[in-house]
Structures are given as C-alpha cells and as structure tokens.
C-alpha cells in the first residue's frame, strides 16, 4: 500500500526533509518521564540584535550531572539519564527508584544550543535561533530568441 504524503503537491518543492522530520517526530515515543517544560524567553528590548531563547527544562531530581548526557546528532537533541543502583544500601521502604530515561526533541534548522544547566533538580537547556535576515532576489531572464538579458 502506497502512502500519500501531504507534501506531494507539485507546489511544494524541496520539502522532503520536512516530511522526514515529521515522520521522525511521530515515531518518537516517550513514557512521560521526566516531565518537561518548553518556554520562550523574549529578547532584551535594549539589545535589538540578541535572539530569543527557547528553554527546555526537565525535572531530573535525584540525577547528578555525571548521570546525565546531552547529545545533538544532526537535528535531534537527545537527553539521557542513567542512575546506578547503590547495592550497599538496605532499604526498609523504596519509593524512589533508580531509573533511566531518554527524551528526544527534533530541532529546527539553525537552532543552536547555547548551554545546559543543572540546578535544584531541574536540567535547563537553552537554545537560540539567530535572526534570519529576509532578502529578495531578482532573477534575470535570458531571452533565448535574441540573446538579450532582462533585468
């Protein structure tokens, strides 16, 4: 059975990469752990050339920085957490399990990771997208009949 794509219109040229990213996002499954927020931090009004910050914050209480791993492969941000169970402890009640997680985000083209911070059980990853300058390009037309070029 062939799959019909929303990007198969003859008016949408070169959008195959977007279709691939959408497929990637729909295949990504997460169990909801750890919970996270995504927020936009508006740029400073006094500095017009500073971009907005997009902050991803994950609740990773109980994880130290050496138990967390953040990688960027192409346009996929992958955050992994791995706690090692301490075998020397004897628990009378165990309500906090040592657990692992993997959370992924697909980033837009041009989005850059500025930094990552761990504070009070919250892992924050700050992303910036440089302001893209809009430009108009005039295309010259060559008249093949008389060899002239129109501008």
N, C-alpha and C. Protein backbone atom coordinates (compact mmCIF):
# COMPACT_ATOMS: atom_id res chain seq x y z
N UNK A 1 0.84 -1.17 0.00
CA UNK A 1 0.00 0.00 0.00
C UNK A 1 0.89 1.23 0.00
N UNK A 2 0.67 2.13 -0.94
CA UNK A 2 1.49 3.33 -1.00
C UNK A 2 0.93 4.40 -0.07
N UNK A 3 1.83 5.19 0.46
CA UNK A 3 1.45 6.23 1.40
C UNK A 3 1.34 7.55 0.67
N UNK A 4 0.25 8.25 0.87
CA UNK A 4 0.07 9.55 0.24
C UNK A 4 0.54 10.61 1.23
N UNK A 5 1.41 11.46 0.74
CA UNK A 5 2.01 12.48 1.58
C UNK A 5 1.31 13.82 1.38
N UNK A 6 1.24 14.58 2.44
CA UNK A 6 0.73 15.94 2.33
C UNK A 6 1.69 16.86 1.59
N UNK A 7 2.92 16.38 1.41
CA UNK A 7 3.94 17.17 0.73
C UNK A 7 4.11 16.75 -0.73
N UNK A 8 3.15 16.00 -1.26
CA UNK A 8 3.27 15.52 -2.64
C UNK A 8 2.73 16.51 -3.65
N UNK A 9 2.27 17.65 -3.22
CA UNK A 9 1.76 18.67 -4.12
C UNK A 9 2.88 19.19 -5.02
N UNK A 10 2.59 19.44 -6.28
CA UNK A 10 3.63 19.97 -7.17
C UNK A 10 4.07 21.39 -6.79
N UNK A 11 3.33 22.06 -5.92
CA UNK A 11 3.68 23.40 -5.49
C UNK A 11 4.63 23.41 -4.29
N UNK A 12 4.85 22.26 -3.68
CA UNK A 12 5.74 22.15 -2.52
C UNK A 12 7.03 21.44 -2.96
N UNK A 13 7.96 22.21 -3.46
CA UNK A 13 9.21 21.66 -3.96
C UNK A 13 10.29 21.73 -2.89
N UNK A 14 10.99 20.64 -2.67
CA UNK A 14 12.11 20.62 -1.74
C UNK A 14 11.72 20.45 -0.28
N UNK A 15 10.51 20.00 0.00
CA UNK A 15 10.05 19.83 1.38
C UNK A 15 10.17 18.39 1.86
N UNK A 16 10.94 17.57 1.16
CA UNK A 16 11.11 16.18 1.55
C UNK A 16 11.73 16.06 2.93
N UNK A 17 12.65 16.97 3.26
CA UNK A 17 13.31 16.95 4.57
C UNK A 17 12.31 17.20 5.69
N UNK A 18 11.36 18.09 5.47
CA UNK A 18 10.33 18.36 6.48
C UNK A 18 9.47 17.13 6.69
N UNK A 19 9.15 16.44 5.61
CA UNK A 19 8.36 15.22 5.71
C UNK A 19 9.12 14.16 6.52
N UNK A 20 10.43 14.06 6.30
CA UNK A 20 11.25 13.10 7.04
C UNK A 20 11.27 13.44 8.53
N UNK A 21 11.37 14.74 8.86
CA UNK A 21 11.38 15.17 10.26
C UNK A 21 10.03 14.86 10.92
N UNK A 22 8.94 15.10 10.21
CA UNK A 22 7.62 14.79 10.77
C UNK A 22 7.47 13.31 11.04
N UNK A 23 7.98 12.48 10.15
CA UNK A 23 7.96 11.03 10.39
C UNK A 23 8.77 10.68 11.62
N UNK A 24 9.92 11.33 11.78
CA UNK A 24 10.79 11.08 12.92
C UNK A 24 10.10 11.45 14.23
N UNK A 25 9.40 12.56 14.24
CA UNK A 25 8.71 13.01 15.44
C UNK A 25 7.58 12.06 15.81
N UNK A 26 6.84 11.59 14.84
CA UNK A 26 5.71 10.72 15.15
C UNK A 26 6.17 9.34 15.62
N UNK A 27 7.36 8.92 15.23
CA UNK A 27 7.88 7.63 15.69
C UNK A 27 8.45 7.70 17.10
N UNK A 28 8.81 8.88 17.55
CA UNK A 28 9.41 9.03 18.87
C UNK A 28 8.35 8.78 19.93
N UNK A 29 8.61 7.83 20.82
CA UNK A 29 7.67 7.54 21.89
C UNK A 29 8.35 7.83 23.22
N UNK A 30 7.65 8.47 24.08
CA UNK A 30 8.14 8.77 25.42
C UNK A 30 7.08 8.36 26.43
N UNK A 31 7.53 7.91 27.58
CA UNK A 31 6.58 7.46 28.60
C UNK A 31 6.14 8.59 29.52
N UNK A 32 6.53 9.81 29.23
CA UNK A 32 6.14 10.93 30.05
C UNK A 32 7.13 11.26 31.15
N UNK A 33 8.19 10.46 31.26
CA UNK A 33 9.21 10.73 32.28
C UNK A 33 10.51 11.05 31.60
N UNK A 34 11.18 12.06 32.01
CA UNK A 34 10.80 13.02 33.03
C UNK A 34 9.89 14.10 32.44
N UNK A 35 9.08 14.70 33.29
CA UNK A 35 8.24 15.80 32.79
C UNK A 35 9.13 16.97 32.37
N UNK A 36 8.62 17.77 31.44
CA UNK A 36 9.43 18.88 30.93
C UNK A 36 8.56 20.07 30.58
N UNK A 37 9.19 21.21 30.50
CA UNK A 37 8.57 22.45 30.03
C UNK A 37 9.38 22.96 28.86
N UNK A 38 8.72 23.66 27.95
CA UNK A 38 9.40 24.40 26.89
C UNK A 38 8.87 25.81 26.96
N UNK A 39 9.77 26.77 27.08
CA UNK A 39 9.34 28.17 27.19
C UNK A 39 10.18 29.06 26.29
N UNK A 40 9.59 30.17 25.90
CA UNK A 40 10.30 31.19 25.12
C UNK A 40 10.62 32.34 26.05
N UNK A 41 11.88 32.72 26.06
CA UNK A 41 12.32 33.87 26.85
C UNK A 41 12.61 34.97 25.86
N UNK A 42 11.79 36.01 25.90
CA UNK A 42 11.89 37.10 24.93
C UNK A 42 13.20 37.84 25.07
N UNK A 43 13.70 38.32 23.94
CA UNK A 43 14.98 39.02 23.93
C UNK A 43 14.89 40.33 24.70
N UNK A 44 16.03 40.77 25.12
CA UNK A 44 16.14 42.03 25.85
C UNK A 44 15.81 43.18 24.89
N UNK A 45 14.87 44.02 25.26
CA UNK A 45 14.43 45.12 24.39
C UNK A 45 15.55 46.13 24.16
N UNK A 46 16.48 46.28 25.10
CA UNK A 46 17.54 47.27 24.93
C UNK A 46 18.60 46.81 23.92
N UNK A 47 18.66 45.52 23.68
CA UNK A 47 19.63 44.98 22.72
C UNK A 47 18.87 44.31 21.58
N UNK A 48 18.70 45.02 20.47
CA UNK A 48 17.87 44.53 19.37
C UNK A 48 18.45 43.33 18.65
N UNK A 49 19.76 43.11 18.73
CA UNK A 49 20.35 42.02 17.97
C UNK A 49 20.47 40.72 18.76
N UNK A 50 19.98 40.67 20.00
CA UNK A 50 20.03 39.43 20.77
C UNK A 50 18.79 38.59 20.46
N UNK A 51 18.98 37.31 20.13
CA UNK A 51 17.84 36.47 19.77
C UNK A 51 17.07 36.00 21.01
N UNK A 52 15.81 35.61 20.78
CA UNK A 52 15.03 34.98 21.83
C UNK A 52 15.68 33.67 22.23
N UNK A 53 15.43 33.24 23.46
CA UNK A 53 15.94 31.96 23.95
C UNK A 53 14.76 31.01 24.08
N UNK A 54 14.94 29.79 23.62
CA UNK A 54 13.98 28.73 23.86
C UNK A 54 14.61 27.83 24.91
N UNK A 55 13.93 27.63 26.02
CA UNK A 55 14.47 26.85 27.12
C UNK A 55 13.64 25.58 27.30
N UNK A 56 14.34 24.46 27.27
CA UNK A 56 13.75 23.16 27.59
C UNK A 56 14.19 22.84 29.01
N UNK A 57 13.24 22.63 29.92
CA UNK A 57 13.56 22.31 31.31
C UNK A 57 12.97 20.95 31.65
N UNK A 58 13.83 20.04 32.12
CA UNK A 58 13.41 18.70 32.51
C UNK A 58 13.55 18.55 34.02
N UNK A 59 12.56 17.93 34.65
CA UNK A 59 12.61 17.64 36.08
C UNK A 59 13.39 16.35 36.28
N UNK A 60 14.63 16.48 36.72
CA UNK A 60 15.52 15.31 36.85
C UNK A 60 16.03 15.19 38.29
N UNK A 61 15.13 15.35 39.24
CA UNK A 61 15.51 15.25 40.65
C UNK A 61 16.17 13.90 40.92
N UNK A 62 17.26 13.93 41.66
CA UNK A 62 17.98 12.71 42.00
C UNK A 62 19.10 12.36 41.04
N UNK A 63 19.18 13.04 39.91
CA UNK A 63 20.26 12.81 38.95
C UNK A 63 21.36 13.84 39.16
N UNK A 64 22.59 13.40 39.14
CA UNK A 64 23.72 14.33 39.17
C UNK A 64 24.14 14.61 37.73
N UNK A 65 24.99 15.61 37.55
CA UNK A 65 25.39 15.98 36.19
C UNK A 65 26.15 14.85 35.48
N UNK A 66 26.86 14.01 36.23
CA UNK A 66 27.59 12.91 35.58
C UNK A 66 26.67 11.72 35.25
N UNK A 67 25.41 11.75 35.67
CA UNK A 67 24.44 10.71 35.31
C UNK A 67 23.55 11.16 34.15
N UNK A 68 23.80 12.36 33.64
CA UNK A 68 23.03 12.91 32.53
C UNK A 68 23.93 13.07 31.31
N UNK A 69 23.35 12.88 30.14
CA UNK A 69 24.10 13.00 28.90
C UNK A 69 23.24 13.72 27.88
N UNK A 70 23.78 14.77 27.28
CA UNK A 70 23.07 15.53 26.26
C UNK A 70 23.87 15.46 24.98
N UNK A 71 23.24 14.99 23.90
CA UNK A 71 23.92 14.93 22.61
C UNK A 71 23.04 15.54 21.54
N UNK A 72 23.68 16.04 20.51
CA UNK A 72 22.99 16.58 19.35
C UNK A 72 23.52 15.85 18.12
N UNK A 73 22.64 15.13 17.46
CA UNK A 73 23.02 14.42 16.24
C UNK A 73 22.13 14.94 15.13
N UNK A 74 22.76 15.61 14.18
CA UNK A 74 22.06 16.31 13.11
C UNK A 74 21.07 17.28 13.75
N UNK A 75 19.79 17.05 13.63
CA UNK A 75 18.82 17.98 14.21
C UNK A 75 18.06 17.37 15.39
N UNK A 76 18.57 16.27 15.95
CA UNK A 76 17.87 15.62 17.06
C UNK A 76 18.66 15.80 18.35
N UNK A 77 18.01 16.45 19.32
CA UNK A 77 18.57 16.64 20.66
C UNK A 77 18.14 15.45 21.50
N UNK A 78 19.11 14.76 22.08
CA UNK A 78 18.83 13.55 22.85
C UNK A 78 19.37 13.75 24.27
N UNK A 79 18.49 13.59 25.26
CA UNK A 79 18.86 13.72 26.67
C UNK A 79 18.65 12.37 27.32
N UNK A 80 19.71 11.84 27.93
CA UNK A 80 19.64 10.54 28.58
C UNK A 80 20.02 10.69 30.04
N UNK A 81 19.36 9.93 30.88
CA UNK A 81 19.69 9.87 32.30
C UNK A 81 19.82 8.43 32.72
N UNK A 82 20.86 8.15 33.49
CA UNK A 82 21.10 6.78 33.93
C UNK A 82 21.60 6.80 35.37
N UNK A 83 20.76 6.35 36.28
CA UNK A 83 21.15 6.24 37.68
C UNK A 83 21.59 4.81 37.96
N UNK A 84 22.63 4.70 38.73
CA UNK A 84 23.14 3.38 39.12
C UNK A 84 22.60 3.05 40.50
N UNK A 85 22.05 1.88 40.63
CA UNK A 85 21.50 1.44 41.91
C UNK A 85 22.65 1.13 42.87
N UNK A 86 22.61 1.75 44.04
CA UNK A 86 23.65 1.55 45.05
C UNK A 86 23.34 0.25 45.80
N UNK A 87 24.11 -0.78 45.56
CA UNK A 87 23.87 -2.09 46.16
C UNK A 87 24.23 -2.16 47.63
N UNK A 88 24.94 -1.15 48.16
CA UNK A 88 25.35 -1.15 49.56
C UNK A 88 24.23 -0.71 50.50
N UNK A 89 23.18 -0.14 49.96
CA UNK A 89 22.11 0.36 50.82
C UNK A 89 21.08 -0.74 51.09
N UNK A 90 20.55 -0.70 52.33
CA UNK A 90 19.47 -1.62 52.68
C UNK A 90 18.23 -0.78 52.92
N UNK A 91 17.26 -0.91 52.04
CA UNK A 91 16.04 -0.10 52.10
C UNK A 91 14.99 -0.81 52.95
N UNK A 92 14.36 -0.05 53.86
CA UNK A 92 13.20 -0.55 54.58
C UNK A 92 11.94 -0.27 53.77
N UNK A 93 11.98 0.80 53.00
CA UNK A 93 10.91 1.14 52.04
C UNK A 93 11.59 1.81 50.86
N UNK A 94 11.22 1.43 49.66
CA UNK A 94 11.83 2.03 48.47
C UNK A 94 10.73 2.63 47.61
N UNK A 95 10.58 3.94 47.71
CA UNK A 95 9.60 4.67 46.90
C UNK A 95 10.25 5.45 45.78
N UNK A 96 11.56 5.64 45.86
CA UNK A 96 12.29 6.37 44.83
C UNK A 96 13.20 5.37 44.13
N UNK A 97 12.82 5.00 42.95
CA UNK A 97 13.58 4.00 42.20
C UNK A 97 14.69 4.65 41.41
N UNK A 98 15.81 3.97 41.30
CA UNK A 98 16.86 4.38 40.38
C UNK A 98 16.35 4.01 38.99
N UNK A 99 16.28 4.99 38.13
CA UNK A 99 15.71 4.71 36.82
C UNK A 99 16.49 5.39 35.72
N UNK A 100 16.16 5.01 34.52
CA UNK A 100 16.79 5.57 33.34
C UNK A 100 15.72 6.25 32.51
N UNK A 101 16.15 7.20 31.68
CA UNK A 101 15.22 7.81 30.75
C UNK A 101 15.97 8.24 29.50
N UNK A 102 15.18 8.46 28.49
CA UNK A 102 15.69 9.02 27.24
C UNK A 102 14.60 9.90 26.67
N UNK A 103 14.90 11.14 26.45
CA UNK A 103 13.94 12.09 25.91
C UNK A 103 14.58 12.75 24.70
N UNK A 104 13.84 12.84 23.60
CA UNK A 104 14.41 13.44 22.39
C UNK A 104 13.51 14.55 21.87
N UNK A 105 14.16 15.51 21.23
CA UNK A 105 13.48 16.65 20.62
C UNK A 105 14.08 16.85 19.24
N UNK A 106 13.24 17.12 18.26
CA UNK A 106 13.72 17.44 16.92
C UNK A 106 13.80 18.95 16.83
N UNK A 107 14.99 19.46 16.50
CA UNK A 107 15.22 20.90 16.45
C UNK A 107 15.12 21.41 15.03
N UNK A 108 14.62 22.63 14.90
CA UNK A 108 14.52 23.27 13.59
C UNK A 108 15.92 23.61 13.08
N UNK A 109 16.03 23.71 11.78
CA UNK A 109 17.29 24.08 11.15
C UNK A 109 17.74 25.45 11.68
N UNK A 110 19.00 25.55 12.04
CA UNK A 110 19.56 26.81 12.51
C UNK A 110 19.49 27.00 14.01
N UNK A 111 18.71 26.19 14.71
CA UNK A 111 18.59 26.30 16.17
C UNK A 111 19.89 25.82 16.79
N UNK A 112 20.48 26.60 17.68
CA UNK A 112 21.76 26.27 18.29
C UNK A 112 21.61 26.13 19.80
N UNK A 113 22.38 25.21 20.38
CA UNK A 113 22.37 25.03 21.82
C UNK A 113 23.37 26.02 22.41
N UNK A 114 22.88 26.87 23.29
CA UNK A 114 23.75 27.86 23.93
C UNK A 114 24.45 27.25 25.14
N UNK A 115 23.67 26.59 26.02
CA UNK A 115 24.26 25.96 27.21
C UNK A 115 23.23 25.05 27.88
N UNK A 116 23.71 24.31 28.88
CA UNK A 116 22.85 23.45 29.69
C UNK A 116 23.25 23.65 31.14
N UNK A 117 22.25 23.71 32.03
CA UNK A 117 22.49 23.97 33.45
C UNK A 117 21.65 23.01 34.28
N UNK A 118 22.23 22.56 35.38
CA UNK A 118 21.52 21.71 36.32
C UNK A 118 21.48 22.43 37.66
N UNK A 119 20.24 22.71 38.12
CA UNK A 119 20.09 23.42 39.40
C UNK A 119 18.81 22.96 40.08
N UNK A 120 18.93 22.54 41.33
CA UNK A 120 17.79 22.14 42.16
C UNK A 120 16.93 21.08 41.49
N UNK A 121 17.56 20.11 40.83
CA UNK A 121 16.83 19.02 40.21
C UNK A 121 16.20 19.36 38.88
N UNK A 122 16.51 20.54 38.32
CA UNK A 122 15.97 20.94 37.02
C UNK A 122 17.13 21.09 36.03
N UNK A 123 17.04 20.38 34.92
CA UNK A 123 18.02 20.49 33.85
C UNK A 123 17.45 21.43 32.80
N UNK A 124 18.13 22.56 32.58
CA UNK A 124 17.67 23.54 31.60
C UNK A 124 18.65 23.57 30.43
N UNK A 125 18.10 23.49 29.23
CA UNK A 125 18.89 23.57 28.01
C UNK A 125 18.40 24.79 27.25
N UNK A 126 19.30 25.74 27.04
CA UNK A 126 18.95 26.99 26.37
C UNK A 126 19.34 26.93 24.90
N UNK A 127 18.38 27.23 24.06
CA UNK A 127 18.58 27.21 22.61
C UNK A 127 18.35 28.60 22.06
N UNK A 128 19.07 28.95 21.01
CA UNK A 128 18.86 30.23 20.34
C UNK A 128 18.74 29.99 18.85
N UNK A 129 17.93 30.81 18.24
CA UNK A 129 17.81 30.77 16.79
C UNK A 129 18.17 32.16 16.28
N UNK A 130 19.33 32.26 15.63
CA UNK A 130 19.74 33.56 15.13
C UNK A 130 18.67 34.16 14.24
N UNK A 131 18.54 35.48 14.29
CA UNK A 131 17.56 36.18 13.48
C UNK A 131 17.97 36.05 12.02
N UNK A 132 17.06 35.56 11.21
CA UNK A 132 17.33 35.37 9.79
C UNK A 132 16.91 36.63 9.05
N UNK A 133 17.86 37.16 8.29
CA UNK A 133 17.56 38.35 7.52
C UNK A 133 16.78 37.96 6.27
N UNK A 134 15.69 38.65 6.04
CA UNK A 134 14.88 38.39 4.86
C UNK A 134 15.46 39.18 3.70
N UNK A 135 15.53 38.54 2.54
CA UNK A 135 16.04 39.23 1.38
C UNK A 135 15.24 38.82 0.15
N UNK A 136 15.22 39.72 -0.80
CA UNK A 136 14.54 39.48 -2.06
C UNK A 136 15.61 39.43 -3.14
N UNK A 137 15.52 38.43 -3.98
CA UNK A 137 16.49 38.27 -5.04
C UNK A 137 15.78 38.38 -6.38
N UNK A 138 16.27 39.26 -7.22
CA UNK A 138 15.73 39.44 -8.56
C UNK A 138 16.40 38.43 -9.48
N UNK A 139 15.62 37.69 -10.23
CA UNK A 139 16.12 36.67 -11.13
C UNK A 139 16.14 37.24 -12.55
N UNK A 140 17.29 37.16 -13.21
CA UNK A 140 17.42 37.65 -14.58
C UNK A 140 16.82 36.64 -15.54
N UNK A 141 16.19 37.15 -16.57
CA UNK A 141 15.56 36.30 -17.59
C UNK A 141 16.38 36.44 -18.88
N UNK A 142 16.82 35.31 -19.41
CA UNK A 142 17.54 35.31 -20.67
C UNK A 142 16.57 35.03 -21.79
N UNK A 143 16.52 35.91 -22.77
CA UNK A 143 15.69 35.70 -23.94
C UNK A 143 16.50 34.91 -24.93
N UNK A 144 16.15 33.64 -25.12
CA UNK A 144 16.91 32.76 -25.99
C UNK A 144 16.75 33.08 -27.46
N UNK A 145 15.71 33.83 -27.79
CA UNK A 145 15.48 34.17 -29.21
C UNK A 145 16.48 35.21 -29.70
N UNK A 146 16.74 36.24 -28.89
CA UNK A 146 17.67 37.27 -29.37
C UNK A 146 18.93 37.38 -28.52
N UNK A 147 19.08 36.53 -27.49
CA UNK A 147 20.29 36.50 -26.67
C UNK A 147 20.38 37.63 -25.66
N UNK A 148 19.34 38.44 -25.54
CA UNK A 148 19.38 39.56 -24.57
C UNK A 148 18.99 39.08 -23.18
N UNK A 149 19.41 39.85 -22.20
CA UNK A 149 19.09 39.55 -20.81
C UNK A 149 18.24 40.68 -20.26
N UNK A 150 17.11 40.31 -19.64
CA UNK A 150 16.26 41.30 -18.97
C UNK A 150 16.63 41.35 -17.50
N UNK A 151 16.57 42.55 -16.96
CA UNK A 151 16.83 42.69 -15.52
C UNK A 151 15.62 43.21 -14.81
